[in-house]
């Protein structure tokens, strides 16, 4: 793993993942690239790059932005740990090469 790379493991509904992969494939992206695009947009805008309507989602929260960020980071660390403990591949981004890749438990990298 390159010095500036990190990984994110996300658990999602199987149907959601398959449907998203179909849409992404249609527009010429894979899941890793789409997630990287999303994260870059979050950083650029310093916000979620689309509107969330908590009333429609049935979500109410009194968490501060810092608390939400902390909880999100904790969840990401837990998912990364889970992936490593269960020998699962992880999607990463090589900042030097500006390319996304999958790192397998044996250390092998597959750039996308």
C-alpha atoms as a PDB file:
ATOM      1  CA  UNK A   1       0.000   0.000   0.000  1.00  0.00           C
ATOM      2  CA  UNK A   2       1.397   3.394  -0.961  1.00  0.00           C
ATOM      3  CA  UNK A   3       2.031   5.916   1.786  1.00  0.00           C
ATOM      4  CA  UNK A   4      -0.978   8.118   0.976  1.00  0.00           C
ATOM      5  CA  UNK A   5      -3.433   5.307   0.261  1.00  0.00           C
ATOM      6  CA  UNK A   6      -6.129   4.054   2.525  1.00  0.00           C
ATOM      7  CA  UNK A   7      -9.027   1.715   2.035  1.00  0.00           C
ATOM      8  CA  UNK A   8     -12.722   1.781   2.698  1.00  0.00           C
ATOM      9  CA  UNK A   9     -14.870  -1.284   3.152  1.00  0.00           C
ATOM     10  CA  UNK A  10     -18.581  -0.729   2.874  1.00  0.00           C
ATOM     11  CA  UNK A  11     -21.364  -3.197   3.527  1.00  0.00           C
ATOM     12  CA  UNK A  12     -24.432  -2.576   1.395  1.00  0.00           C
ATOM     13  CA  UNK A  13     -27.542  -4.424   0.346  1.00  0.00           C
ATOM     14  CA  UNK A  14     -26.689  -6.944  -2.396  1.00  0.00           C
ATOM     15  CA  UNK A  15     -29.429  -5.690  -4.752  1.00  0.00           C
ATOM     16  CA  UNK A  16     -28.373  -2.082  -4.244  1.00  0.00           C
ATOM     17  CA  UNK A  17     -24.774  -2.962  -5.113  1.00  0.00           C
ATOM     18  CA  UNK A  18     -25.767  -4.912  -8.227  1.00  0.00           C
ATOM     19  CA  UNK A  19     -28.094  -2.151  -9.442  1.00  0.00           C
ATOM     20  CA  UNK A  20     -25.453   0.509  -8.824  1.00  0.00           C
ATOM     21  CA  UNK A  21     -22.836  -1.547 -10.689  1.00  0.00           C
ATOM     22  CA  UNK A  22     -25.179  -1.783 -13.692  1.00  0.00           C
ATOM     23  CA  UNK A  23     -25.722   1.973 -13.763  1.00  0.00           C
ATOM     24  CA  UNK A  24     -22.030   2.700 -13.253  1.00  0.00           C
ATOM     25  CA  UNK A  25     -21.046   0.250 -15.975  1.00  0.00           C
ATOM     26  CA  UNK A  26     -23.468   1.949 -18.347  1.00  0.00           C
ATOM     27  CA  UNK A  27     -21.753   5.295 -17.750  1.00  0.00           C
ATOM     28  CA  UNK A  28     -18.263   3.789 -17.928  1.00  0.00           C
ATOM     29  CA  UNK A  29     -17.323   3.676 -14.252  1.00  0.00           C
ATOM     30  CA  UNK A  30     -16.659   0.944 -11.749  1.00  0.00           C
ATOM     31  CA  UNK A  31     -17.587   1.101  -8.071  1.00  0.00           C
ATOM     32  CA  UNK A  32     -14.114   2.164  -6.919  1.00  0.00           C
ATOM     33  CA  UNK A  33     -13.925   5.030  -9.404  1.00  0.00           C
ATOM     34  CA  UNK A  34     -17.436   6.173  -8.503  1.00  0.00           C
ATOM     35  CA  UNK A  35     -16.621   6.197  -4.804  1.00  0.00           C
ATOM     36  CA  UNK A  36     -13.442   8.169  -5.476  1.00  0.00           C
ATOM     37  CA  UNK A  37     -15.422  10.694  -7.538  1.00  0.00           C
ATOM     38  CA  UNK A  38     -17.950  10.995  -4.712  1.00  0.00           C
ATOM     39  CA  UNK A  39     -15.260  11.492  -2.049  1.00  0.00           C
ATOM     40  CA  UNK A  40     -13.412  14.096  -4.131  1.00  0.00           C
ATOM     41  CA  UNK A  41     -16.688  15.989  -4.562  1.00  0.00           C
ATOM     42  CA  UNK A  42     -17.337  15.824  -0.799  1.00  0.00           C
ATOM     43  CA  UNK A  43     -13.889  17.308  -0.169  1.00  0.00           C
ATOM     44  CA  UNK A  44     -14.292  19.986  -2.868  1.00  0.00           C
ATOM     45  CA  UNK A  45     -17.714  21.068  -1.611  1.00  0.00           C
ATOM     46  CA  UNK A  46     -17.033  20.331   2.056  1.00  0.00           C
ATOM     47  CA  UNK A  47     -20.474  18.704   2.129  1.00  0.00           C
ATOM     48  CA  UNK A  48     -22.492  15.835   0.737  1.00  0.00           C
ATOM     49  CA  UNK A  49     -22.748  16.801  -2.963  1.00  0.00           C
ATOM     50  CA  UNK A  50     -26.518  16.379  -3.097  1.00  0.00           C
ATOM     51  CA  UNK A  51     -29.456  17.275  -0.922  1.00  0.00           C
ATOM     52  CA  UNK A  52     -30.616  14.850   1.756  1.00  0.00           C
ATOM     53  CA  UNK A  53     -34.155  15.222   2.934  1.00  0.00           C
ATOM     54  CA  UNK A  54     -34.207  13.726   6.399  1.00  0.00           C
ATOM     55  CA  UNK A  55     -37.989  13.967   6.652  1.00  0.00           C
ATOM     56  CA  UNK A  56     -38.474  11.736   3.634  1.00  0.00           C
ATOM     57  CA  UNK A  57     -35.838   9.342   4.940  1.00  0.00           C
ATOM     58  CA  UNK A  58     -37.353   9.330   8.419  1.00  0.00           C
ATOM     59  CA  UNK A  59     -34.046  10.412   9.943  1.00  0.00           C
ATOM     60  CA  UNK A  60     -33.746  12.757  12.868  1.00  0.00           C
ATOM     61  CA  UNK A  61     -30.466  13.571  14.557  1.00  0.00           C
ATOM     62  CA  UNK A  62     -29.059  15.882  17.156  1.00  0.00           C
ATOM     63  CA  UNK A  63     -25.448  14.936  16.360  1.00  0.00           C
ATOM     64  CA  UNK A  64     -23.018  17.718  15.588  1.00  0.00           C
ATOM     65  CA  UNK A  65     -20.993  17.666  12.375  1.00  0.00           C
ATOM     66  CA  UNK A  66     -17.918  16.640  14.405  1.00  0.00           C
ATOM     67  CA  UNK A  67     -19.843  13.757  16.034  1.00  0.00           C
ATOM     68  CA  UNK A  68     -21.098  12.526  12.663  1.00  0.00           C
ATOM     69  CA  UNK A  69     -17.550  12.709  11.251  1.00  0.00           C
ATOM     70  CA  UNK A  70     -16.186  10.819  14.257  1.00  0.00           C
ATOM     71  CA  UNK A  71     -18.840   8.116  13.972  1.00  0.00           C
ATOM     72  CA  UNK A  72     -18.222   7.791  10.237  1.00  0.00           C
ATOM     73  CA  UNK A  73     -14.452   7.473  10.744  1.00  0.00           C
ATOM     74  CA  UNK A  74     -14.993   4.893  13.491  1.00  0.00           C
ATOM     75  CA  UNK A  75     -17.240   2.866  11.172  1.00  0.00           C
ATOM     76  CA  UNK A  76     -14.675   3.046   8.364  1.00  0.00           C
ATOM     77  CA  UNK A  77     -11.889   1.867  10.681  1.00  0.00           C
ATOM     78  CA  UNK A  78     -14.088  -1.008  11.869  1.00  0.00           C
ATOM     79  CA  UNK A  79     -14.924  -2.052   8.301  1.00  0.00           C
ATOM     80  CA  UNK A  80     -11.241  -1.893   7.301  1.00  0.00           C
ATOM     81  CA  UNK A  81     -10.331  -4.039  10.302  1.00  0.00           C
ATOM     82  CA  UNK A  82     -13.107  -6.499   9.400  1.00  0.00           C
ATOM     83  CA  UNK A  83     -11.818  -6.773   5.818  1.00  0.00           C
ATOM     84  CA  UNK A  84      -8.270  -7.425   6.960  1.00  0.00           C
ATOM     85  CA  UNK A  85      -9.351  -9.994   9.572  1.00  0.00           C
ATOM     86  CA  UNK A  86     -11.444 -11.858   6.980  1.00  0.00           C
ATOM     87  CA  UNK A  87      -8.878 -11.639   4.156  1.00  0.00           C
ATOM     88  CA  UNK A  88     -11.129  -9.540   1.943  1.00  0.00           C
ATOM     89  CA  UNK A  89      -9.827  -7.318  -0.855  1.00  0.00           C
ATOM     90  CA  UNK A  90     -10.066  -3.568  -0.349  1.00  0.00           C
ATOM     91  CA  UNK A  91     -10.474  -0.701  -2.812  1.00  0.00           C
ATOM     92  CA  UNK A  92      -7.794   1.969  -2.543  1.00  0.00           C
ATOM     93  CA  UNK A  93      -6.556   5.028  -4.397  1.00  0.00           C
ATOM     94  CA  UNK A  94      -2.924   5.625  -5.345  1.00  0.00           C
ATOM     95  CA  UNK A  95      -2.459   9.377  -4.964  1.00  0.00           C
ATOM     96  CA  UNK A  96       0.882   9.337  -6.847  1.00  0.00           C
ATOM     97  CA  UNK A  97      -0.453   7.467  -9.888  1.00  0.00           C
ATOM     98  CA  UNK A  98      -3.934   9.033  -9.586  1.00  0.00           C
ATOM     99  CA  UNK A  99      -5.469   5.579 -10.070  1.00  0.00           C
ATOM    100  CA  UNK A 100      -7.847   3.445  -8.082  1.00  0.00           C
ATOM    101  CA  UNK A 101      -6.924  -0.155  -7.384  1.00  0.00           C
ATOM    102  CA  UNK A 102      -7.960  -3.245  -5.483  1.00  0.00           C
ATOM    103  CA  UNK A 103      -5.487  -4.654  -2.997  1.00  0.00           C
ATOM    104  CA  UNK A 104      -5.841  -8.368  -2.322  1.00  0.00           C
ATOM    105  CA  UNK A 105      -4.897 -10.106   0.935  1.00  0.00           C
ATOM    106  CA  UNK A 106      -1.729 -11.495  -0.705  1.00  0.00           C
ATOM    107  CA  UNK A 107      -0.546  -7.912  -1.404  1.00  0.00           C
ATOM    108  CA  UNK A 108      -1.312  -8.054  -5.114  1.00  0.00           C
ATOM    109  CA  UNK A 109      -2.711  -4.860  -6.679  1.00  0.00           C
ATOM    110  CA  UNK A 110      -5.089  -4.582  -9.593  1.00  0.00           C
ATOM    111  CA  UNK A 111      -5.321  -1.053 -10.989  1.00  0.00           C
ATOM    112  CA  UNK A 112      -8.584   0.033 -12.570  1.00  0.00           C
END
